[in-house]
Amino acid sequence: MDYAGVWFNERGAKMVIDPLPDHLFQGQYFSHHPRDNEPSSSCPTLLAGSADQQSRSLGWFITTSDAQGDPVTTTTWSGHYQCRHGREIITATWYRLTDTVTPT
């Protein structure tokens, strides 16, 4: 399973995966700004995850921060690496956790 490299999702976000020892990986995640119609290169977010070679399953997460550097959201993905019709793809489901303010 060679998941290293550059990946794009259907919303235009870009993910760069660099493998590490022991089936771990790191990289960068660039969110998509629809108004520019291009991935944002100004604020990459650190990406970390792991992969299972036998099942071809992988998971990763990112944490975004505000202007002061405080964590704002954590997003996790659970996915499966596969080859369909000669194209390598990762099919994944994502979950985003963010703080909310309770109205008073």
PDB file of N, CA and C in Angstrom:
ATOM      1  N   MET A   1       0.850  -1.169   0.000  1.00  0.00           N
ATOM      2  CA  MET A   1       0.000   0.000   0.000  1.00  0.00           C
ATOM      3  C   MET A   1       0.894   1.229   0.000  1.00  0.00           C
ATOM      4  N   ASP A   2       0.767   2.041  -1.024  1.00  0.00           N
ATOM      5  CA  ASP A   2       1.580   3.250  -1.123  1.00  0.00           C
ATOM      6  C   ASP A   2       0.680   4.472  -1.129  1.00  0.00           C
ATOM      7  N   TYR A   3       0.349   4.953   0.051  1.00  0.00           N
ATOM      8  CA  TYR A   3      -0.535   6.094   0.192  1.00  0.00           C
ATOM      9  C   TYR A   3       0.234   7.408   0.281  1.00  0.00           C
ATOM     10  N   ALA A   4       1.561   7.372   0.216  1.00  0.00           N
ATOM     11  CA  ALA A   4       2.375   8.579   0.301  1.00  0.00           C
ATOM     12  C   ALA A   4       2.128   9.451  -0.925  1.00  0.00           C
ATOM     13  N   GLY A   5       2.191  10.750  -0.702  1.00  0.00           N
ATOM     14  CA  GLY A   5       2.053  11.674  -1.822  1.00  0.00           C
ATOM     15  C   GLY A   5       0.982  12.722  -1.591  1.00  0.00           C
ATOM     16  N   VAL A   6       0.502  13.289  -2.686  1.00  0.00           N
ATOM     17  CA  VAL A   6      -0.472  14.372  -2.650  1.00  0.00           C
ATOM     18  C   VAL A   6      -1.840  13.827  -3.027  1.00  0.00           C
ATOM     19  N   TRP A   7      -2.838  14.176  -2.211  1.00  0.00           N
ATOM     20  CA  TRP A   7      -4.217  13.750  -2.425  1.00  0.00           C
ATOM     21  C   TRP A   7      -5.127  14.964  -2.395  1.00  0.00           C
ATOM     22  N   PHE A   8      -6.213  14.921  -3.161  1.00  0.00           N
ATOM     23  CA  PHE A   8      -7.227  15.975  -3.147  1.00  0.00           C
ATOM     24  C   PHE A   8      -8.582  15.341  -2.867  1.00  0.00           C
ATOM     25  N   ASN A   9      -9.433  16.042  -2.122  1.00  0.00           N
ATOM     26  CA  ASN A   9     -10.770  15.522  -1.918  1.00  0.00           C
ATOM     27  C   ASN A   9     -11.749  16.187  -2.881  1.00  0.00           C
ATOM     28  N   GLU A  10     -13.001  15.740  -2.846  1.00  0.00           N
ATOM     29  CA  GLU A  10     -13.988  16.254  -3.789  1.00  0.00           C
ATOM     30  C   GLU A  10     -14.342  17.709  -3.531  1.00  0.00           C
ATOM     31  N   ARG A  11     -13.949  18.256  -2.383  1.00  0.00           N
ATOM     32  CA  ARG A  11     -14.206  19.657  -2.062  1.00  0.00           C
ATOM     33  C   ARG A  11     -13.007  20.554  -2.376  1.00  0.00           C
ATOM     34  N   GLY A  12     -11.915  19.951  -2.865  1.00  0.00           N
ATOM     35  CA  GLY A  12     -10.753  20.737  -3.267  1.00  0.00           C
ATOM     36  C   GLY A  12      -9.659  20.876  -2.236  1.00  0.00           C
ATOM     37  N   ALA A  13      -9.822  20.280  -1.048  1.00  0.00           N
ATOM     38  CA  ALA A  13      -8.760  20.344  -0.046  1.00  0.00           C
ATOM     39  C   ALA A  13      -7.598  19.453  -0.480  1.00  0.00           C
ATOM     40  N   LYS A  14      -6.412  19.809  -0.060  1.00  0.00           N
ATOM     41  CA  LYS A  14      -5.192  19.088  -0.444  1.00  0.00           C
ATOM     42  C   LYS A  14      -4.563  18.478   0.803  1.00  0.00           C
ATOM     43  N   MET A  15      -4.106  17.235   0.685  1.00  0.00           N
ATOM     44  CA  MET A  15      -3.441  16.538   1.776  1.00  0.00           C
ATOM     45  C   MET A  15      -2.132  15.975   1.239  1.00  0.00           C
ATOM     46  N   VAL A  16      -1.041  16.253   1.948  1.00  0.00           N
ATOM     47  CA  VAL A  16       0.272  15.727   1.587  1.00  0.00           C
ATOM     48  C   VAL A  16       0.668  14.733   2.667  1.00  0.00           C
ATOM     49  N   ILE A  17       0.869  13.464   2.282  1.00  0.00           N
ATOM     50  CA  ILE A  17       1.198  12.407   3.244  1.00  0.00           C
ATOM     51  C   ILE A  17       2.649  11.983   3.086  1.00  0.00           C
ATOM     52  N   ASP A  18       3.383  12.002   4.195  1.00  0.00           N
ATOM     53  CA  ASP A  18       4.769  11.540   4.257  1.00  0.00           C
ATOM     54  C   ASP A  18       4.821  10.365   5.229  1.00  0.00           C
ATOM     55  N   PRO A  19       5.206   9.160   4.749  1.00  0.00           N
ATOM     56  CA  PRO A  19       5.240   7.998   5.640  1.00  0.00           C
ATOM     57  C   PRO A  19       6.359   8.087   6.673  1.00  0.00           C
ATOM     58  N   LEU A  20       6.103   7.477   7.822  1.00  0.00           N
ATOM     59  CA  LEU A  20       7.066   7.347   8.911  1.00  0.00           C
ATOM     60  C   LEU A  20       7.215   5.856   9.210  1.00  0.00           C
ATOM     61  N   PRO A  21       8.190   5.459  10.029  1.00  0.00           N
ATOM     62  CA  PRO A  21       8.302   4.040  10.411  1.00  0.00           C
ATOM     63  C   PRO A  21       7.057   3.550  11.164  1.00  0.00           C
ATOM     64  N   ASP A  22       6.891   2.245  11.218  1.00  0.00           N
ATOM     65  CA  ASP A  22       5.843   1.582  11.995  1.00  0.00           C
ATOM     66  C   ASP A  22       4.428   1.940  11.540  1.00  0.00           C
ATOM     67  N   HIS A  23       4.231   2.113  10.252  1.00  0.00           N
ATOM     68  CA  HIS A  23       2.913   2.371   9.650  1.00  0.00           C
ATOM     69  C   HIS A  23       2.292   3.693  10.079  1.00  0.00           C
ATOM     70  N   LEU A  24       3.095   4.626  10.532  1.00  0.00           N
ATOM     71  CA  LEU A  24       2.612   5.954  10.891  1.00  0.00           C
ATOM     72  C   LEU A  24       2.869   6.900   9.728  1.00  0.00           C
ATOM     73  N   PHE A  25       2.168   8.015   9.717  1.00  0.00           N
ATOM     74  CA  PHE A  25       2.468   9.036   8.719  1.00  0.00           C
ATOM     75  C   PHE A  25       2.166  10.413   9.279  1.00  0.00           C
ATOM     76  N   GLN A  26       2.738  11.391   8.631  1.00  0.00           N
ATOM     77  CA  GLN A  26       2.487  12.785   8.966  1.00  0.00           C
ATOM     78  C   GLN A  26       2.372  13.541   7.658  1.00  0.00           C
ATOM     79  N   GLY A  27       2.050  14.782   7.744  1.00  0.00           N
ATOM     80  CA  GLY A  27       1.944  15.568   6.530  1.00  0.00           C
ATOM     81  C   GLY A  27       1.297  16.898   6.799  1.00  0.00           C
ATOM     82  N   GLN A  28       0.716  17.451   5.741  1.00  0.00           N
ATOM     83  CA  GLN A  28       0.057  18.740   5.840  1.00  0.00           C
ATOM     84  C   GLN A  28      -1.302  18.661   5.164  1.00  0.00           C
ATOM     85  N   TYR A  29      -2.231  19.448   5.687  1.00  0.00           N
ATOM     86  CA  TYR A  29      -3.575  19.524   5.146  1.00  0.00           C
ATOM     87  C   TYR A  29      -3.850  20.980   4.808  1.00  0.00           C
ATOM     88  N   PHE A  30      -4.292  21.231   3.596  1.00  0.00           N
ATOM     89  CA  PHE A  30      -4.595  22.576   3.126  1.00  0.00           C
ATOM     90  C   PHE A  30      -6.088  22.648   2.844  1.00  0.00           C
ATOM     91  N   SER A  31      -6.795  23.464   3.615  1.00  0.00           N
ATOM     92  CA  SER A  31      -8.234  23.562   3.393  1.00  0.00           C
ATOM     93  C   SER A  31      -8.508  24.314   2.093  1.00  0.00           C
ATOM     94  N   HIS A  32      -9.707  24.145   1.598  1.00  0.00           N
ATOM     95  CA  HIS A  32     -10.106  24.765   0.340  1.00  0.00           C
ATOM     96  C   HIS A  32     -10.912  26.024   0.620  1.00  0.00           C
ATOM     97  N   HIS A  33     -10.592  27.077  -0.102  1.00  0.00           N
ATOM     98  CA  HIS A  33     -11.350  28.323  -0.011  1.00  0.00           C
ATOM     99  C   HIS A  33     -12.128  28.501  -1.297  1.00  0.00           C
ATOM    100  N   PRO A  34     -13.437  28.248  -1.280  1.00  0.00           N
ATOM    101  CA  PRO A  34     -14.228  28.314  -2.515  1.00  0.00           C
ATOM    102  C   PRO A  34     -14.136  29.650  -3.238  1.00  0.00           C
ATOM    103  N   ARG A  35     -13.967  30.739  -2.502  1.00  0.00           N
ATOM    104  CA  ARG A  35     -13.919  32.048  -3.167  1.00  0.00           C
ATOM    105  C   ARG A  35     -12.684  32.175  -4.062  1.00  0.00           C
ATOM    106  N   ASP A  36     -11.603  31.477  -3.728  1.00  0.00           N
ATOM    107  CA  ASP A  36     -10.385  31.531  -4.528  1.00  0.00           C
ATOM    108  C   ASP A  36     -10.332  30.408  -5.555  1.00  0.00           C
ATOM    109  N   ASN A  37     -11.149  29.372  -5.339  1.00  0.00           N
ATOM    110  CA  ASN A  37     -11.164  28.180  -6.189  1.00  0.00           C
ATOM    111  C   ASN A  37      -9.804  27.483  -6.230  1.00  0.00           C
ATOM    112  N   GLU A  38      -9.021  27.635  -5.172  1.00  0.00           N
ATOM    113  CA  GLU A  38      -7.734  26.945  -5.056  1.00  0.00           C
ATOM    114  C   GLU A  38      -7.498  26.598  -3.593  1.00  0.00           C
ATOM    115  N   PRO A  39      -6.754  25.502  -3.331  1.00  0.00           N
ATOM    116  CA  PRO A  39      -6.411  25.205  -1.941  1.00  0.00           C
ATOM    117  C   PRO A  39      -5.588  26.330  -1.338  1.00  0.00           C
ATOM    118  N   SER A  40      -5.806  26.596  -0.061  1.00  0.00           N
ATOM    119  CA  SER A  40      -5.057  27.633   0.630  1.00  0.00           C
ATOM    120  C   SER A  40      -3.651  27.136   0.926  1.00  0.00           C
ATOM    121  N   SER A  41      -2.648  27.878   0.531  1.00  0.00           N
ATOM    122  CA  SER A  41      -1.274  27.504   0.840  1.00  0.00           C
ATOM    123  C   SER A  41      -0.736  28.341   1.991  1.00  0.00           C
ATOM    124  N   SER A  42      -1.541  29.286   2.487  1.00  0.00           N
ATOM    125  CA  SER A  42      -1.047  30.185   3.521  1.00  0.00           C
ATOM    126  C   SER A  42      -1.091  29.574   4.914  1.00  0.00           C
ATOM    127  N   CYS A  43      -1.947  28.576   5.138  1.00  0.00           N
ATOM    128  CA  CYS A  43      -2.040  28.039   6.497  1.00  0.00           C
ATOM    129  C   CYS A  43      -2.188  26.520   6.485  1.00  0.00           C
ATOM    130  N   PRO A  44      -1.115  25.798   6.169  1.00  0.00           N
ATOM    131  CA  PRO A  44      -1.192  24.337   6.241  1.00  0.00           C
ATOM    132  C   PRO A  44      -1.356  23.884   7.684  1.00  0.00           C
ATOM    133  N   THR A  45      -2.021  22.790   7.880  1.00  0.00           N
ATOM    134  CA  THR A  45      -2.265  22.224   9.196  1.00  0.00           C
ATOM    135  C   THR A  45      -1.566  20.884   9.282  1.00  0.00           C
ATOM    136  N   LEU A  46      -0.914  20.622  10.417  1.00  0.00           N
ATOM    137  CA  LEU A  46      -0.221  19.353  10.607  1.00  0.00           C
ATOM    138  C   LEU A  46      -1.208  18.204  10.600  1.00  0.00           C
ATOM    139  N   LEU A  47      -0.830  17.157   9.918  1.00  0.00           N
ATOM    140  CA  LEU A  47      -1.647  15.957   9.776  1.00  0.00           C
ATOM    141  C   LEU A  47      -0.876  14.800  10.397  1.00  0.00           C
ATOM    142  N   ALA A  48      -1.551  13.930  11.147  1.00  0.00           N
ATOM    143  CA  ALA A  48      -0.905  12.749  11.723  1.00  0.00           C
ATOM    144  C   ALA A  48      -1.857  11.582  11.627  1.00  0.00           C
ATOM    145  N   GLY A  49      -1.323  10.379  11.422  1.00  0.00           N
ATOM    146  CA  GLY A  49      -2.190   9.216  11.322  1.00  0.00           C
ATOM    147  C   GLY A  49      -1.417   7.921  11.272  1.00  0.00           C
ATOM    148  N   SER A  50      -2.153   6.825  11.053  1.00  0.00           N
ATOM    149  CA  SER A  50      -1.540   5.514  10.938  1.00  0.00           C
ATOM    150  C   SER A  50      -2.301   4.689   9.913  1.00  0.00           C
ATOM    151  N   ALA A  51      -1.645   3.645   9.424  1.00  0.00           N
ATOM    152  CA  ALA A  51      -2.236   2.792   8.396  1.00  0.00           C
ATOM    153  C   ALA A  51      -1.943   1.337   8.707  1.00  0.00           C
ATOM    154  N   ASP A  52      -2.874   0.475   8.333  1.00  0.00           N
ATOM    155  CA  ASP A  52      -2.704  -0.962   8.488  1.00  0.00           C
ATOM    156  C   ASP A  52      -2.484  -1.551   7.097  1.00  0.00           C
ATOM    157  N   GLN A  53      -1.319  -2.145   6.872  1.00  0.00           N
ATOM    158  CA  GLN A  53      -0.959  -2.630   5.541  1.00  0.00           C
ATOM    159  C   GLN A  53      -1.865  -3.759   5.063  1.00  0.00           C
ATOM    160  N   GLN A  54      -2.277  -4.653   5.944  1.00  0.00           N
ATOM    161  CA  GLN A  54      -3.079  -5.799   5.514  1.00  0.00           C
ATOM    162  C   GLN A  54      -4.500  -5.407   5.127  1.00  0.00           C
ATOM    163  N   SER A  55      -5.158  -4.633   5.946  1.00  0.00           N
ATOM    164  CA  SER A  55      -6.549  -4.288   5.672  1.00  0.00           C
ATOM    165  C   SER A  55      -6.680  -3.062   4.770  1.00  0.00           C
ATOM    166  N   ARG A  56      -5.568  -2.334   4.576  1.00  0.00           N
ATOM    167  CA  ARG A  56      -5.545  -1.108   3.795  1.00  0.00           C
ATOM    168  C   ARG A  56      -6.374   0.008   4.433  1.00  0.00           C
ATOM    169  N   SER A  57      -6.593  -0.122   5.735  1.00  0.00           N
ATOM    170  CA  SER A  57      -7.321   0.901   6.487  1.00  0.00           C
ATOM    171  C   SER A  57      -6.347   1.962   6.970  1.00  0.00           C
ATOM    172  N   LEU A  58      -6.829   3.187   7.070  1.00  0.00           N
ATOM    173  CA  LEU A  58      -6.005   4.241   7.614  1.00  0.00           C
ATOM    174  C   LEU A  58      -6.873   5.270   8.311  1.00  0.00           C
ATOM    175  N   GLY A  59      -6.279   6.001   9.209  1.00  0.00           N
ATOM    176  CA  GLY A  59      -6.965   7.048   9.931  1.00  0.00           C
ATOM    177  C   GLY A  59      -6.016   8.196  10.179  1.00  0.00           C
ATOM    178  N   TRP A  60      -6.558   9.409  10.240  1.00  0.00           N
ATOM    179  CA  TRP A  60      -5.710  10.567  10.477  1.00  0.00           C
ATOM    180  C   TRP A  60      -6.528  11.671  11.108  1.00  0.00           C
ATOM    181  N   PHE A  61      -5.828  12.684  11.619  1.00  0.00           N
ATOM    182  CA  PHE A  61      -6.517  13.810  12.242  1.00  0.00           C
ATOM    183  C   PHE A  61      -5.757  15.096  11.988  1.00  0.00           C
ATOM    184  N   ILE A  62      -6.486  16.205  12.096  1.00  0.00           N
ATOM    185  CA  ILE A  62      -5.885  17.538  12.080  1.00  0.00           C
ATOM    186  C   ILE A  62      -6.534  18.343  13.193  1.00  0.00           C
ATOM    187  N   THR A  63      -5.811  19.308  13.703  1.00  0.00           N
ATOM    188  CA  THR A  63      -6.361  20.266  14.649  1.00  0.00           C
ATOM    189  C   THR A  63      -6.093  21.652  14.089  1.00  0.00           C
ATOM    190  N   THR A  64      -7.143  22.439  13.928  1.00  0.00           N
ATOM    191  CA  THR A  64      -6.975  23.806  13.440  1.00  0.00           C
ATOM    192  C   THR A  64      -6.945  24.757  14.619  1.00  0.00           C
ATOM    193  N   SER A  65      -6.275  25.878  14.433  1.00  0.00           N
ATOM    194  CA  SER A  65      -6.117  26.865  15.503  1.00  0.00           C
ATOM    195  C   SER A  65      -6.602  28.228  15.041  1.00  0.00           C
ATOM    196  N   ASP A  66      -6.915  29.083  16.018  1.00  0.00           N
ATOM    197  CA  ASP A  66      -7.307  30.452  15.687  1.00  0.00           C
ATOM    198  C   ASP A  66      -6.062  31.325  15.561  1.00  0.00           C
ATOM    199  N   ALA A  67      -6.252  32.621  15.378  1.00  0.00           N
ATOM    200  CA  ALA A  67      -5.128  33.550  15.181  1.00  0.00           C
ATOM    201  C   ALA A  67      -4.182  33.585  16.381  1.00  0.00           C
ATOM    202  N   GLN A  68      -4.681  33.261  17.579  1.00  0.00           N
ATOM    203  CA  GLN A  68      -3.844  33.260  18.781  1.00  0.00           C
ATOM    204  C   GLN A  68      -3.141  31.923  18.989  1.00  0.00           C
ATOM    205  N   GLY A  69      -3.409  30.935  18.123  1.00  0.00           N
ATOM    206  CA  GLY A  69      -2.781  29.634  18.240  1.00  0.00           C
ATOM    207  C   GLY A  69      -3.545  28.660  19.118  1.00  0.00           C
ATOM    208  N   ASP A  70      -4.718  29.058  19.578  1.00  0.00           N
ATOM    209  CA  ASP A  70      -5.530  28.174  20.412  1.00  0.00           C
ATOM    210  C   ASP A  70      -6.291  27.189  19.531  1.00  0.00           C
ATOM    211  N   PRO A  71      -6.353  25.907  19.934  1.00  0.00           N
ATOM    212  CA  PRO A  71      -7.093  24.915  19.139  1.00  0.00           C
ATOM    213  C   PRO A  71      -8.566  25.306  19.011  1.00  0.00           C
ATOM    214  N   VAL A  72      -9.096  25.164  17.807  1.00  0.00           N
ATOM    215  CA  VAL A  72     -10.484  25.513  17.545  1.00  0.00           C
ATOM    216  C   VAL A  72     -11.292  24.275  17.173  1.00  0.00           C
ATOM    217  N   THR A  73     -10.769  23.466  16.262  1.00  0.00           N
ATOM    218  CA  THR A  73     -11.473  22.257  15.852  1.00  0.00           C
ATOM    219  C   THR A  73     -10.491  21.099  15.726  1.00  0.00           C
ATOM    220  N   THR A  74     -11.009  19.907  15.912  1.00  0.00           N
ATOM    221  CA  THR A  74     -10.270  18.689  15.607  1.00  0.00           C
ATOM    222  C   THR A  74     -11.136  17.903  14.641  1.00  0.00           C
ATOM    223  N   THR A  75     -10.549  17.478  13.541  1.00  0.00           N
ATOM    224  CA  THR A  75     -11.260  16.683  12.556  1.00  0.00           C
ATOM    225  C   THR A  75     -10.529  15.362  12.395  1.00  0.00           C
ATOM    226  N   THR A  76     -11.271  14.256  12.412  1.00  0.00           N
ATOM    227  CA  THR A  76     -10.693  12.928  12.238  1.00  0.00           C
ATOM    228  C   THR A  76     -11.308  12.257  11.023  1.00  0.00           C
ATOM    229  N   TRP A  77     -10.534  11.413  10.381  1.00  0.00           N
ATOM    230  CA  TRP A  77     -10.997  10.642   9.231  1.00  0.00           C
ATOM    231  C   TRP A  77     -10.694   9.161   9.474  1.00  0.00           C
ATOM    232  N   SER A  78     -11.570   8.317   9.022  1.00  0.00           N
ATOM    233  CA  SER A  78     -11.364   6.878   9.018  1.00  0.00           C
ATOM    234  C   SER A  78     -11.596   6.441   7.581  1.00  0.00           C
ATOM    235  N   GLY A  79     -10.622   5.740   7.010  1.00  0.00           N
ATOM    236  CA  GLY A  79     -10.758   5.440   5.592  1.00  0.00           C
ATOM    237  C   GLY A  79     -10.138   4.136   5.146  1.00  0.00           C
ATOM    238  N   HIS A  80     -10.215   3.931   3.839  1.00  0.00           N
ATOM    239  CA  HIS A  80      -9.758   2.703   3.199  1.00  0.00           C
ATOM    240  C   HIS A  80      -9.075   3.066   1.881  1.00  0.00           C
ATOM    241  N   TYR A  81      -7.860   2.598   1.710  1.00  0.00           N
ATOM    242  CA  TYR A  81      -7.079   2.825   0.490  1.00  0.00           C
ATOM    243  C   TYR A  81      -7.397   1.707  -0.497  1.00  0.00           C
ATOM    244  N   GLN A  82      -7.698   2.068  -1.748  1.00  0.00           N
ATOM    245  CA  GLN A  82      -8.006   1.054  -2.749  1.00  0.00           C
ATOM    246  C   GLN A  82      -7.691   1.545  -4.156  1.00  0.00           C
ATOM    247  N   CYS A  83      -7.692   0.619  -5.064  1.00  0.00           N
ATOM    248  CA  CYS A  83      -7.470   0.938  -6.468  1.00  0.00           C
ATOM    249  C   CYS A  83      -8.744   0.561  -7.227  1.00  0.00           C
ATOM    250  N   ARG A  84      -9.374   1.561  -7.851  1.00  0.00           N
ATOM    251  CA  ARG A  84     -10.606   1.339  -8.620  1.00  0.00           C
ATOM    252  C   ARG A  84     -10.394   1.802 -10.048  1.00  0.00           C
ATOM    253  N   HIS A  85     -10.607   0.894 -10.972  1.00  0.00           N
ATOM    254  CA  HIS A  85     -10.478   1.213 -12.405  1.00  0.00           C
ATOM    255  C   HIS A  85      -9.136   1.887 -12.718  1.00  0.00           C
ATOM    256  N   GLY A  86      -8.084   1.394 -12.077  1.00  0.00           N
ATOM    257  CA  GLY A  86      -6.748   1.922 -12.324  1.00  0.00           C
ATOM    258  C   GLY A  86      -6.411   3.200 -11.578  1.00  0.00           C
ATOM    259  N   ARG A  87      -7.323   3.712 -10.749  1.00  0.00           N
ATOM    260  CA  ARG A  87      -7.077   4.941  -9.980  1.00  0.00           C
ATOM    261  C   ARG A  87      -6.955   4.602  -8.505  1.00  0.00           C
ATOM    262  N   GLU A  88      -5.936   5.153  -7.859  1.00  0.00           N
ATOM    263  CA  GLU A  88      -5.780   4.990  -6.422  1.00  0.00           C
ATOM    264  C   GLU A  88      -6.693   6.000  -5.728  1.00  0.00           C
ATOM    265  N   ILE A  89      -7.492   5.519  -4.777  1.00  0.00           N
ATOM    266  CA  ILE A  89      -8.376   6.412  -4.040  1.00  0.00           C
ATOM    267  C   ILE A  89      -8.369   6.041  -2.559  1.00  0.00           C
ATOM    268  N   ILE A  90      -8.716   7.013  -1.746  1.00  0.00           N
ATOM    269  CA  ILE A  90      -8.968   6.789  -0.329  1.00  0.00           C
ATOM    270  C   ILE A  90     -10.417   7.188  -0.093  1.00  0.00           C
ATOM    271  N   THR A  91     -11.217   6.235   0.336  1.00  0.00           N
ATOM    272  CA  THR A  91     -12.600   6.509   0.696  1.00  0.00           C
ATOM    273  C   THR A  91     -12.633   6.688   2.198  1.00  0.00           C
ATOM    274  N   ALA A  92     -13.190   7.799   2.664  1.00  0.00           N
ATOM    275  CA  ALA A  92     -13.133   8.078   4.099  1.00  0.00           C
ATOM    276  C   ALA A  92     -14.403   8.764   4.591  1.00  0.00           C
ATOM    277  N   THR A  93     -14.631   8.610   5.870  1.00  0.00           N
ATOM    278  CA  THR A  93     -15.689   9.318   6.585  1.00  0.00           C
ATOM    279  C   THR A  93     -15.004  10.236   7.577  1.00  0.00           C
ATOM    280  N   TRP A  94     -15.522  11.441   7.734  1.00  0.00           N
ATOM    281  CA  TRP A  94     -14.881  12.372   8.663  1.00  0.00           C
ATOM    282  C   TRP A  94     -15.847  12.852   9.725  1.00  0.00           C
ATOM    283  N   TYR A  95     -15.252  13.290  10.843  1.00  0.00           N
ATOM    284  CA  TYR A  95     -15.996  13.788  11.986  1.00  0.00           C
ATOM    285  C   TYR A  95     -15.273  15.019  12.522  1.00  0.00           C
ATOM    286  N   ARG A  96     -15.998  16.108  12.715  1.00  0.00           N
ATOM    287  CA  ARG A  96     -15.391  17.349  13.216  1.00  0.00           C
ATOM    288  C   ARG A  96     -15.929  17.667  14.601  1.00  0.00           C
ATOM    289  N   LEU A  97     -15.020  18.004  15.507  1.00  0.00           N
ATOM    290  CA  LEU A  97     -15.355  18.388  16.870  1.00  0.00           C
ATOM    291  C   LEU A  97     -14.923  19.825  17.052  1.00  0.00           C
ATOM    292  N   THR A  98     -15.833  20.649  17.561  1.00  0.00           N
ATOM    293  CA  THR A  98     -15.503  22.047  17.804  1.00  0.00           C
ATOM    294  C   THR A  98     -16.190  22.517  19.080  1.00  0.00           C
ATOM    295  N   ASP A  99     -15.620  23.512  19.718  1.00  0.00           N
ATOM    296  CA  ASP A  99     -16.241  24.084  20.911  1.00  0.00           C
ATOM    297  C   ASP A  99     -17.454  24.919  20.500  1.00  0.00           C
ATOM    298  N   THR A 100     -18.428  24.918  21.340  1.00  0.00           N
ATOM    299  CA  THR A 100     -19.585  25.784  21.134  1.00  0.00           C
ATOM    300  C   THR A 100     -19.795  26.605  22.384  1.00  0.00           C
ATOM    301  N   VAL A 101     -20.390  27.729  22.212  1.00  0.00           N
ATOM    302  CA  VAL A 101     -20.677  28.605  23.344  1.00  0.00           C
ATOM    303  C   VAL A 101     -22.142  28.416  23.714  1.00  0.00           C
ATOM    304  N   THR A 102     -22.382  28.141  24.990  1.00  0.00           N
ATOM    305  CA  THR A 102     -23.751  27.973  25.454  1.00  0.00           C
ATOM    306  C   THR A 102     -24.359  29.353  25.664  1.00  0.00           C
ATOM    307  N   PRO A 103     -25.498  29.615  25.025  1.00  0.00           N
ATOM    308  CA  PRO A 103     -26.121  30.948  25.202  1.00  0.00           C
ATOM    309  C   PRO A 103     -26.555  31.145  26.650  1.00  0.00           C
ATOM    310  N   THR A 104     -26.429  32.360  27.146  1.00  0.00           N
ATOM    311  CA  THR A 104     -26.836  32.644  28.526  1.00  0.00           C
ATOM    312  C   THR A 104     -28.111  33.441  28.551  1.00  0.00           C
TER     313      THR A 104
END
